[in-house]
Amino acid sequence: MSEYQSYRFERLDGVLGSKQRQALRQISSRAEITATSFQVYYHYSGLKAETADVVLNYS
């Protein structure tokens, strides 16, 4: 059985700076990262960070 996970985080106010985007890239090399969002899909693994930490630090 395969597992599918999707994560999308949107910045509500302001933009992500280059250091923040670099930190998010360390969490996932496959993520689509823009100045206002982070989105990634996983089929057999999961996000290498706690979702609460991502929301608190980057949203």
N, C-alpha and C. Protein backbone atom coordinates (compact mmCIF):
# COMPACT_ATOMS: atom_id res chain seq x y z
N MET A 1 0.85 -1.17 0.00
CA MET A 1 0.00 0.00 0.00
C MET A 1 0.90 1.24 0.00
N SER A 2 0.59 2.18 -0.84
CA SER A 2 1.38 3.40 -0.88
C SER A 2 0.72 4.49 -0.06
N GLU A 3 1.52 5.44 0.34
CA GLU A 3 1.02 6.55 1.14
C GLU A 3 1.28 7.83 0.36
N TYR A 4 0.33 8.74 0.40
CA TYR A 4 0.44 10.00 -0.30
C TYR A 4 0.20 11.14 0.69
N GLN A 5 1.12 12.09 0.72
CA GLN A 5 0.98 13.23 1.60
C GLN A 5 1.22 14.51 0.81
N SER A 6 0.46 15.52 1.09
CA SER A 6 0.60 16.81 0.44
C SER A 6 0.64 17.89 1.51
N TYR A 7 1.60 18.80 1.39
CA TYR A 7 1.72 19.91 2.32
C TYR A 7 1.77 21.21 1.53
N ARG A 8 1.00 22.19 1.97
CA ARG A 8 1.05 23.52 1.37
C ARG A 8 0.92 24.54 2.49
N PHE A 9 1.90 25.41 2.58
CA PHE A 9 1.90 26.48 3.56
C PHE A 9 1.94 27.80 2.81
N GLU A 10 1.07 28.71 3.18
CA GLU A 10 0.98 30.03 2.55
C GLU A 10 1.37 31.11 3.55
N ARG A 11 2.15 32.04 3.10
CA ARG A 11 2.51 33.21 3.92
C ARG A 11 1.36 34.20 3.81
N LEU A 12 0.77 34.58 4.93
CA LEU A 12 -0.39 35.47 4.91
C LEU A 12 -0.01 36.95 4.85
N ASP A 13 1.11 37.29 5.42
CA ASP A 13 1.51 38.69 5.48
C ASP A 13 2.99 38.79 5.17
N GLY A 14 3.36 39.56 4.18
CA GLY A 14 4.76 39.72 3.83
C GLY A 14 5.26 38.58 2.95
N VAL A 15 6.56 38.53 2.78
CA VAL A 15 7.19 37.51 1.93
C VAL A 15 8.28 36.78 2.71
N LEU A 16 8.64 35.62 2.22
CA LEU A 16 9.74 34.86 2.80
C LEU A 16 11.05 35.43 2.29
N GLY A 17 11.96 35.70 3.19
CA GLY A 17 13.28 36.18 2.79
C GLY A 17 14.13 35.04 2.23
N SER A 18 15.27 35.37 1.66
CA SER A 18 16.12 34.34 1.06
C SER A 18 16.63 33.34 2.10
N LYS A 19 16.93 33.79 3.32
CA LYS A 19 17.38 32.86 4.36
C LYS A 19 16.26 31.91 4.77
N GLN A 20 15.04 32.42 4.83
CA GLN A 20 13.90 31.56 5.15
C GLN A 20 13.67 30.53 4.04
N ARG A 21 13.77 30.95 2.79
CA ARG A 21 13.61 30.00 1.68
C ARG A 21 14.72 28.95 1.68
N GLN A 22 15.94 29.35 2.03
CA GLN A 22 17.04 28.39 2.13
C GLN A 22 16.78 27.39 3.25
N ALA A 23 16.25 27.85 4.36
CA ALA A 23 15.94 26.95 5.48
C ALA A 23 14.84 25.97 5.07
N LEU A 24 13.85 26.44 4.34
CA LEU A 24 12.80 25.54 3.84
C LEU A 24 13.36 24.54 2.85
N ARG A 25 14.33 24.95 2.04
CA ARG A 25 14.95 24.03 1.08
C ARG A 25 15.67 22.91 1.81
N GLN A 26 16.20 23.17 2.99
CA GLN A 26 16.84 22.13 3.79
C GLN A 26 15.83 21.10 4.28
N ILE A 27 14.58 21.53 4.45
CA ILE A 27 13.53 20.61 4.87
C ILE A 27 13.15 19.69 3.73
N SER A 28 13.08 20.22 2.50
CA SER A 28 12.71 19.40 1.36
C SER A 28 13.34 19.93 0.08
N SER A 29 14.12 19.09 -0.57
CA SER A 29 14.75 19.48 -1.83
C SER A 29 13.75 19.41 -2.99
N ARG A 30 12.62 18.75 -2.79
CA ARG A 30 11.62 18.61 -3.86
C ARG A 30 10.48 19.62 -3.78
N ALA A 31 10.49 20.47 -2.78
CA ALA A 31 9.39 21.41 -2.58
C ALA A 31 9.41 22.53 -3.62
N GLU A 32 8.22 23.03 -3.90
CA GLU A 32 8.08 24.24 -4.70
C GLU A 32 8.01 25.39 -3.70
N ILE A 33 9.02 26.24 -3.72
CA ILE A 33 9.12 27.33 -2.75
C ILE A 33 9.09 28.65 -3.50
N THR A 34 8.16 29.51 -3.10
CA THR A 34 8.08 30.86 -3.66
C THR A 34 8.23 31.85 -2.52
N ALA A 35 8.13 33.12 -2.84
CA ALA A 35 8.24 34.15 -1.81
C ALA A 35 7.07 34.11 -0.83
N THR A 36 5.98 33.42 -1.22
CA THR A 36 4.80 33.40 -0.35
C THR A 36 4.29 32.00 -0.03
N SER A 37 4.93 30.94 -0.54
CA SER A 37 4.40 29.60 -0.27
C SER A 37 5.46 28.51 -0.30
N PHE A 38 5.10 27.38 0.30
CA PHE A 38 5.91 26.17 0.33
C PHE A 38 4.96 25.02 0.06
N GLN A 39 5.24 24.24 -0.97
CA GLN A 39 4.35 23.14 -1.33
C GLN A 39 5.19 21.93 -1.72
N VAL A 40 4.78 20.76 -1.19
CA VAL A 40 5.52 19.54 -1.50
C VAL A 40 4.58 18.34 -1.43
N TYR A 41 4.85 17.34 -2.26
CA TYR A 41 4.09 16.10 -2.30
C TYR A 41 5.04 14.94 -2.00
N TYR A 42 4.58 14.01 -1.19
CA TYR A 42 5.36 12.82 -0.87
C TYR A 42 4.54 11.59 -1.18
N HIS A 43 5.22 10.56 -1.69
CA HIS A 43 4.54 9.30 -1.98
C HIS A 43 4.96 8.19 -1.02
N TYR A 44 6.20 8.19 -0.57
CA TYR A 44 6.67 7.10 0.29
C TYR A 44 7.40 7.59 1.54
N SER A 45 7.45 8.87 1.73
CA SER A 45 8.11 9.41 2.93
C SER A 45 7.26 10.56 3.46
N GLY A 46 7.83 11.35 4.31
CA GLY A 46 7.06 12.46 4.87
C GLY A 46 7.91 13.70 5.03
N LEU A 47 7.30 14.75 5.50
CA LEU A 47 7.97 16.01 5.72
C LEU A 47 9.01 15.84 6.82
N LYS A 48 10.21 16.35 6.59
CA LYS A 48 11.30 16.18 7.55
C LYS A 48 11.33 17.30 8.59
N ALA A 49 10.16 17.75 8.96
CA ALA A 49 10.02 18.79 9.99
C ALA A 49 8.63 18.65 10.60
N GLU A 50 8.47 19.19 11.77
CA GLU A 50 7.15 19.22 12.39
C GLU A 50 6.33 20.30 11.70
N THR A 51 5.11 19.96 11.31
CA THR A 51 4.28 20.93 10.60
C THR A 51 4.03 22.18 11.44
N ALA A 52 3.87 22.02 12.72
CA ALA A 52 3.65 23.18 13.60
C ALA A 52 4.85 24.13 13.57
N ASP A 53 6.06 23.59 13.51
CA ASP A 53 7.25 24.43 13.44
C ASP A 53 7.29 25.21 12.13
N VAL A 54 6.92 24.57 11.04
CA VAL A 54 6.91 25.26 9.75
C VAL A 54 5.89 26.40 9.78
N VAL A 55 4.72 26.12 10.30
CA VAL A 55 3.68 27.16 10.37
C VAL A 55 4.14 28.32 11.25
N LEU A 56 4.68 28.02 12.41
CA LEU A 56 5.10 29.07 13.33
C LEU A 56 6.27 29.90 12.82
N ASN A 57 7.19 29.27 12.12
CA ASN A 57 8.40 29.95 11.70
C ASN A 57 8.32 30.60 10.32
N TYR A 58 7.43 30.12 9.45
CA TYR A 58 7.46 30.59 8.07
C TYR A 58 6.12 31.08 7.53
N SER A 59 5.03 30.97 8.28
CA SER A 59 3.74 31.42 7.77
C SER A 59 3.42 32.82 8.24
